[in-house]
Protein backbone atom coordinates (compact mmCIF):
# COMPACT_ATOMS: atom_id res chain seq x y z
CA MET A 1 33.31 -107.06 15.91
CA GLY A 2 36.57 -105.23 16.16
CA GLN A 3 36.60 -101.72 17.69
CA THR A 4 36.52 -98.96 15.00
CA LYS A 5 39.62 -97.07 14.40
CA TYR A 6 39.69 -93.33 14.15
CA SER A 7 43.27 -91.12 12.89
CA LEU A 8 43.71 -87.81 14.13
CA ASP A 9 42.92 -84.74 12.00
CA TYR A 10 46.34 -83.35 12.72
CA LEU A 11 46.01 -79.89 10.30
CA THR A 12 42.03 -79.16 12.46
CA ILE A 13 43.92 -79.64 15.57
CA VAL A 14 46.56 -77.12 14.58
CA LEU A 15 44.13 -74.74 13.25
CA PHE A 16 41.79 -74.90 16.00
CA ALA A 17 44.80 -74.44 18.49
CA ALA A 18 45.89 -71.64 16.78
CA VAL A 19 42.59 -69.76 16.60
CA THR A 20 42.03 -70.70 20.42
CA LEU A 21 45.12 -69.63 21.35
CA ALA A 22 44.75 -66.04 19.68
CA THR A 23 41.36 -65.36 20.95
CA VAL A 24 41.59 -66.30 24.56
CA VAL A 25 45.66 -64.85 24.73
CA GLY A 26 46.28 -62.51 21.88
CA VAL A 27 43.39 -60.50 21.53
CA PRO A 28 43.13 -59.34 25.45
CA LEU A 29 46.85 -58.83 25.50
CA PHE A 30 46.07 -56.69 21.98
CA GLY A 31 43.24 -55.03 23.68
CA TYR A 32 45.26 -54.07 26.77
CA PHE A 33 48.25 -52.45 25.32
CA HIS A 34 47.17 -51.07 21.72
CA GLY A 35 43.06 -51.08 22.33
CA PHE A 36 40.63 -51.59 19.30
CA SER A 37 38.68 -49.20 17.61
CA ALA A 38 35.28 -48.46 16.95
CA VAL A 39 35.89 -49.85 13.46
CA ASP A 40 37.37 -53.48 14.41
CA TRP A 41 34.24 -53.53 16.72
CA ALA A 42 31.91 -52.82 13.86
CA MET A 43 33.73 -55.49 11.35
CA LEU A 44 33.34 -58.26 14.77
CA GLY A 45 29.57 -57.64 14.17
CA ILE A 46 28.82 -57.57 10.62
CA LEU A 47 31.20 -60.37 10.12
CA TYR A 48 29.64 -62.66 13.08
CA VAL A 49 26.41 -61.66 11.43
CA VAL A 50 27.49 -62.34 7.91
CA SER A 51 29.64 -65.54 8.52
CA GLY A 52 26.85 -67.01 10.87
CA LEU A 53 23.90 -66.47 8.58
CA GLY A 54 26.37 -67.73 5.69
CA ILE A 55 26.27 -71.48 7.76
CA THR A 56 22.65 -70.86 8.97
CA VAL A 57 20.61 -70.26 5.47
CA GLY A 58 23.34 -70.92 3.02
CA TYR A 59 25.07 -74.35 4.16
CA HIS A 60 22.15 -75.66 6.83
CA ARG A 61 18.83 -74.31 5.58
CA LEU A 62 19.58 -74.15 1.57
CA VAL A 63 22.23 -76.50 0.89
CA ALA A 64 21.80 -79.50 2.85
CA HIS A 65 17.75 -79.24 3.57
CA ARG A 66 16.94 -77.68 0.65
CA SER A 67 14.42 -75.29 2.92
CA PHE A 68 14.08 -73.02 -0.20
CA GLU A 69 15.60 -72.30 -3.60
CA CYS A 70 17.32 -69.11 -4.85
CA PRO A 71 19.22 -67.98 -7.88
CA GLU A 72 22.44 -69.33 -8.21
CA TRP A 73 24.24 -65.53 -7.49
CA VAL A 74 22.31 -65.58 -4.40
CA LYS A 75 23.50 -69.38 -3.27
CA ALA A 76 27.20 -68.27 -4.16
CA CYS A 77 26.74 -64.90 -2.00
CA LEU A 78 25.72 -67.10 1.23
CA LEU A 79 28.27 -70.33 0.65
CA VAL A 80 30.85 -67.27 0.24
CA ALA A 81 29.81 -66.07 3.24
CA GLY A 82 29.86 -69.63 5.01
CA GLY A 83 33.12 -70.22 3.96
CA TRP A 84 34.41 -67.41 5.97
CA ALA A 85 33.14 -69.34 9.07
CA LEU A 86 35.92 -71.79 8.46
CA GLU A 87 33.83 -74.79 9.09
CA ASN A 88 34.87 -76.61 6.02
CA SER A 89 33.17 -76.50 2.88
CA ALA A 90 29.42 -76.79 1.74
CA LEU A 91 30.05 -79.89 -0.01
CA ARG A 92 31.76 -81.69 3.59
CA TRP A 93 30.11 -79.76 6.07
CA CYS A 94 26.16 -80.69 4.56
CA ALA A 95 27.36 -84.33 3.79
CA ASP A 96 28.82 -84.69 7.57
CA HIS A 97 25.11 -82.89 8.64
CA ILE A 98 23.08 -85.11 6.49
CA ARG A 99 24.61 -88.21 7.66
CA HIS A 100 23.83 -86.57 11.41
CA HIS A 101 20.07 -86.54 10.46
CA ALA A 102 20.09 -89.90 9.02
CA ARG A 103 22.22 -91.48 12.03
CA CYS A 104 21.21 -89.18 14.96
CA ASP A 105 22.69 -90.77 18.25
CA GLN A 106 24.25 -93.91 16.35
CA GLU A 107 28.05 -94.38 16.02
CA GLU A 108 27.97 -92.87 12.64
CA ASP A 109 26.61 -89.96 13.93
CA PRO A 110 29.52 -87.37 13.35
CA TYR A 111 28.73 -85.07 16.55
CA ASN A 112 27.21 -87.89 18.27
CA ALA A 113 25.89 -86.31 21.42
CA THR A 114 25.85 -89.72 23.17
CA LYS A 115 29.48 -89.25 23.41
CA GLY A 116 29.41 -86.53 25.76
CA PHE A 117 29.62 -82.72 25.60
CA TRP A 118 32.72 -81.88 24.88
CA TYR A 119 32.99 -84.42 22.09
CA SER A 120 29.80 -83.50 20.68
CA HIS A 121 30.89 -79.83 20.82
CA CYS A 122 34.24 -79.84 19.02
CA GLY A 123 35.94 -83.25 19.95
CA TRP A 124 34.29 -84.81 16.48
CA ILE A 125 36.30 -81.95 14.51
CA PHE A 126 39.91 -83.39 15.37
CA ILE A 127 39.38 -86.83 14.27
CA LYS A 128 39.29 -88.47 10.92
CA SER A 129 36.10 -90.23 10.61
CA PRO A 130 35.93 -93.66 9.15
CA HIS A 131 32.25 -93.46 8.72
CA ARG A 132 32.17 -90.66 6.41
CA ASP A 133 30.41 -92.17 3.16
CA GLU A 134 30.27 -91.01 0.00
CA LYS A 135 26.23 -91.47 -0.65
CA TYR A 136 25.84 -88.62 1.45
CA GLU A 137 27.30 -86.23 -0.86
CA LEU A 138 25.76 -87.60 -4.49
CA ARG A 139 23.09 -85.06 -4.19
CA LEU A 140 25.72 -82.28 -3.24
CA ARG A 141 28.22 -83.09 -6.15
CA LYS A 142 25.39 -82.28 -9.14
CA ASP A 143 25.08 -78.81 -7.96
CA ARG A 144 27.74 -76.73 -9.35
CA VAL A 145 27.90 -73.90 -7.09
CA VAL A 146 28.51 -75.92 -4.40
CA MET A 147 31.12 -77.61 -6.35
CA TRP A 148 32.48 -74.33 -6.76
CA GLN A 149 32.56 -73.38 -3.56
CA HIS A 150 34.16 -76.22 -2.79
CA ARG A 151 37.05 -76.30 -5.26
CA TRP A 152 38.00 -72.11 -3.99
CA TYR A 153 37.30 -73.23 -0.28
CA VAL A 154 40.42 -72.30 0.63
CA PRO A 155 40.78 -69.01 -1.40
CA ILE A 156 37.44 -68.23 0.36
CA VAL A 157 38.44 -68.47 3.59
CA LEU A 158 41.57 -66.55 3.18
CA SER A 159 39.67 -63.51 1.76
CA GLY A 160 37.32 -63.90 4.90
CA LEU A 161 40.56 -62.95 6.36
CA ALA A 162 41.78 -60.71 4.33
CA LEU A 163 38.76 -58.26 4.53
CA PRO A 164 39.35 -57.22 8.20
CA PHE A 165 43.05 -56.53 7.56
CA VAL A 166 42.26 -54.56 4.61
CA ILE A 167 39.89 -52.71 6.37
CA GLY A 168 41.94 -51.93 9.02
CA LEU A 169 44.90 -51.08 7.20
CA VAL A 170 42.78 -48.65 5.61
CA ASN A 171 41.19 -46.92 8.73
CA GLY A 172 44.60 -46.95 10.83
CA GLY A 173 47.59 -48.28 8.93
CA TRP A 174 49.23 -51.39 9.85
CA MET A 175 48.42 -51.56 13.16
CA GLY A 176 45.15 -51.01 12.31
CA GLY A 177 45.15 -53.96 10.15
CA LEU A 178 46.36 -56.25 12.77
CA SER A 179 44.21 -54.85 15.30
CA CYS A 180 41.07 -55.54 12.94
CA PHE A 181 42.36 -58.71 11.66
CA LEU A 182 42.66 -60.25 15.35
CA LEU A 183 39.20 -58.58 16.59
CA ALA A 184 37.02 -59.34 13.26
CA GLY A 185 39.18 -62.11 11.75
CA ILE A 186 40.40 -64.18 14.30
CA CYS A 187 38.19 -63.98 17.28
CA ARG A 188 34.95 -63.50 15.26
CA THR A 189 35.98 -67.29 13.75
CA PHE A 190 36.61 -68.88 17.10
CA LEU A 191 33.04 -67.28 18.28
CA VAL A 192 30.86 -68.40 15.22
CA LEU A 193 32.65 -71.53 15.22
CA ASN A 194 31.64 -71.97 19.07
CA SER A 195 28.05 -70.81 18.73
CA THR A 196 27.76 -73.75 15.80
CA PHE A 197 29.07 -76.01 17.72
CA CYS A 198 26.64 -75.68 20.35
CA ILE A 199 23.78 -76.58 18.58
CA ASN A 200 25.54 -79.87 17.81
CA SER A 201 26.54 -80.19 21.68
CA ILE A 202 23.83 -77.58 24.29
CA CYS A 203 20.71 -78.60 21.73
CA HIS A 204 21.46 -82.77 22.22
CA LEU A 205 22.16 -82.68 25.92
CA TRP A 206 19.99 -79.50 27.34
CA GLY A 207 16.48 -78.18 26.60
CA SER A 208 12.63 -79.45 25.64
CA GLN A 209 11.14 -81.58 23.39
CA PRO A 210 8.10 -80.72 22.82
CA HIS A 211 7.96 -82.08 19.02
CA GLY A 212 9.26 -85.55 19.53
CA THR A 213 11.69 -87.61 21.73
CA PHE A 214 12.82 -90.12 19.19
CA ASP A 215 16.42 -88.66 19.17
CA SER A 216 18.35 -86.42 21.30
CA SER A 217 17.55 -83.01 20.03
CA ARG A 218 15.96 -80.26 22.04
CA ASP A 219 14.88 -76.64 21.39
CA SER A 220 16.85 -74.06 23.33
CA TRP A 221 15.99 -70.49 22.86
CA PHE A 222 19.03 -69.01 24.39
CA ILE A 223 20.94 -71.09 22.10
CA SER A 224 18.69 -68.98 19.28
CA LEU A 225 20.01 -65.98 20.54
CA LEU A 226 23.41 -66.90 19.39
CA THR A 227 22.91 -68.74 16.38
CA PHE A 228 20.36 -66.72 14.04
CA GLY A 229 17.64 -69.06 15.38
CA GLU A 230 19.11 -72.55 15.01
CA GLY A 231 18.58 -73.48 18.68
CA TYR A 232 14.58 -74.48 17.94
CA HIS A 233 16.59 -78.15 17.07
CA ASN A 234 13.96 -80.36 18.55
CA TYR A 235 11.18 -78.82 16.03
CA HIS A 236 13.88 -78.83 13.34
CA HIS A 237 14.48 -82.81 13.77
CA THR A 238 11.06 -82.97 13.38
CA TYR A 239 10.27 -81.05 10.45
CA LEU A 240 13.92 -81.00 8.27
CA ARG A 241 12.75 -79.19 5.43
CA ASP A 242 10.84 -76.29 6.96
CA TYR A 243 12.75 -73.29 6.32
CA ARG A 244 11.97 -72.07 9.67
CA ASN A 245 13.48 -73.69 12.75
CA GLY A 246 11.48 -71.74 15.54
CA PRO A 247 7.89 -71.59 13.73
CA LYS A 248 5.98 -69.16 16.11
CA TRP A 249 6.17 -65.35 14.94
CA TYR A 250 7.45 -64.98 18.15
CA ASN A 251 10.75 -67.19 18.09
CA PHE A 252 13.90 -65.53 17.37
CA ASP A 253 14.95 -67.01 14.19
CA PRO A 254 16.67 -64.26 12.11
CA SER A 255 17.32 -66.69 9.66
CA LYS A 256 13.79 -67.50 8.18
CA TRP A 257 13.47 -63.70 8.41
CA LEU A 258 16.04 -63.66 5.96
CA ILE A 259 14.91 -66.46 3.89
CA TYR A 260 11.60 -64.89 3.94
CA SER A 261 12.72 -61.37 3.02
CA LEU A 262 14.69 -62.76 0.24
CA SER A 263 11.35 -64.24 -1.25
CA LEU A 264 9.47 -60.50 -0.96
CA VAL A 265 11.75 -59.31 -3.66
CA GLY A 266 12.00 -62.91 -5.74
CA LEU A 267 15.49 -64.27 -4.59
CA ALA A 268 13.71 -67.15 -2.57
CA TYR A 269 11.19 -69.11 -3.79
CA ASN A 270 9.74 -72.69 -3.20
CA LEU A 271 9.80 -71.52 0.67
CA GLN A 272 9.28 -75.13 2.61
CA ARG A 273 7.03 -75.13 5.69
CA GLN A 274 5.14 -77.84 8.05
CA LYS A 275 1.51 -77.40 7.54
CA SER A 276 -0.39 -76.97 10.87
């Protein structure tokens, strides 16, 4: 059998390189020569939480795993927030994630941890996978909110970058707009991307396996601090549809707290839970 052929995704390479360079070089230089305002730092924190929860609650637990249901307008809000993370549309992200669970640690796994830390962390996004299969998208394509977000993904991404610029512009003129854009737009995107990548890499390489050793998934309470509860990854791989990744009351899992809070006011229902 011949080797599987991979081709590079040049657009993703350029975008990721630009975001990384702007964050590790541009942000410190701008901070040194101009400084950042309290509004810039506040927007960084707010948009990190909003876009991060858009991925964990919207993309991951709602769409990919159907851990709960909600009204369409709530789903739309979550998918807009997830789109601000610049991690592809919910259709593409969730199809890759469904394939990850179906073929974990095998060649078809999009972020196969057996290929090493850097591949599973971010290297996989730089290639066009030949293993992308339409069967993983079939259910997703029947969801009109998912397809709406997929069609409008680019404007959604741009709105997430424009928002901090506009707020900074109002607060401090053109330089204020630039500073808020750099910190709460570009730097925030870099931080959310890499926190998500840690689940694919660190949570498949280091940590405990209290719920099973059938694949490389591991629990890491530390990664949960960065990813709104997604670090309890061994539990998640064992009980895919549980709306909780951290099942214990003391587990740091803001994503489950948000889902549960939404259920208390009737904005989430049919919460899936592993029976103890």
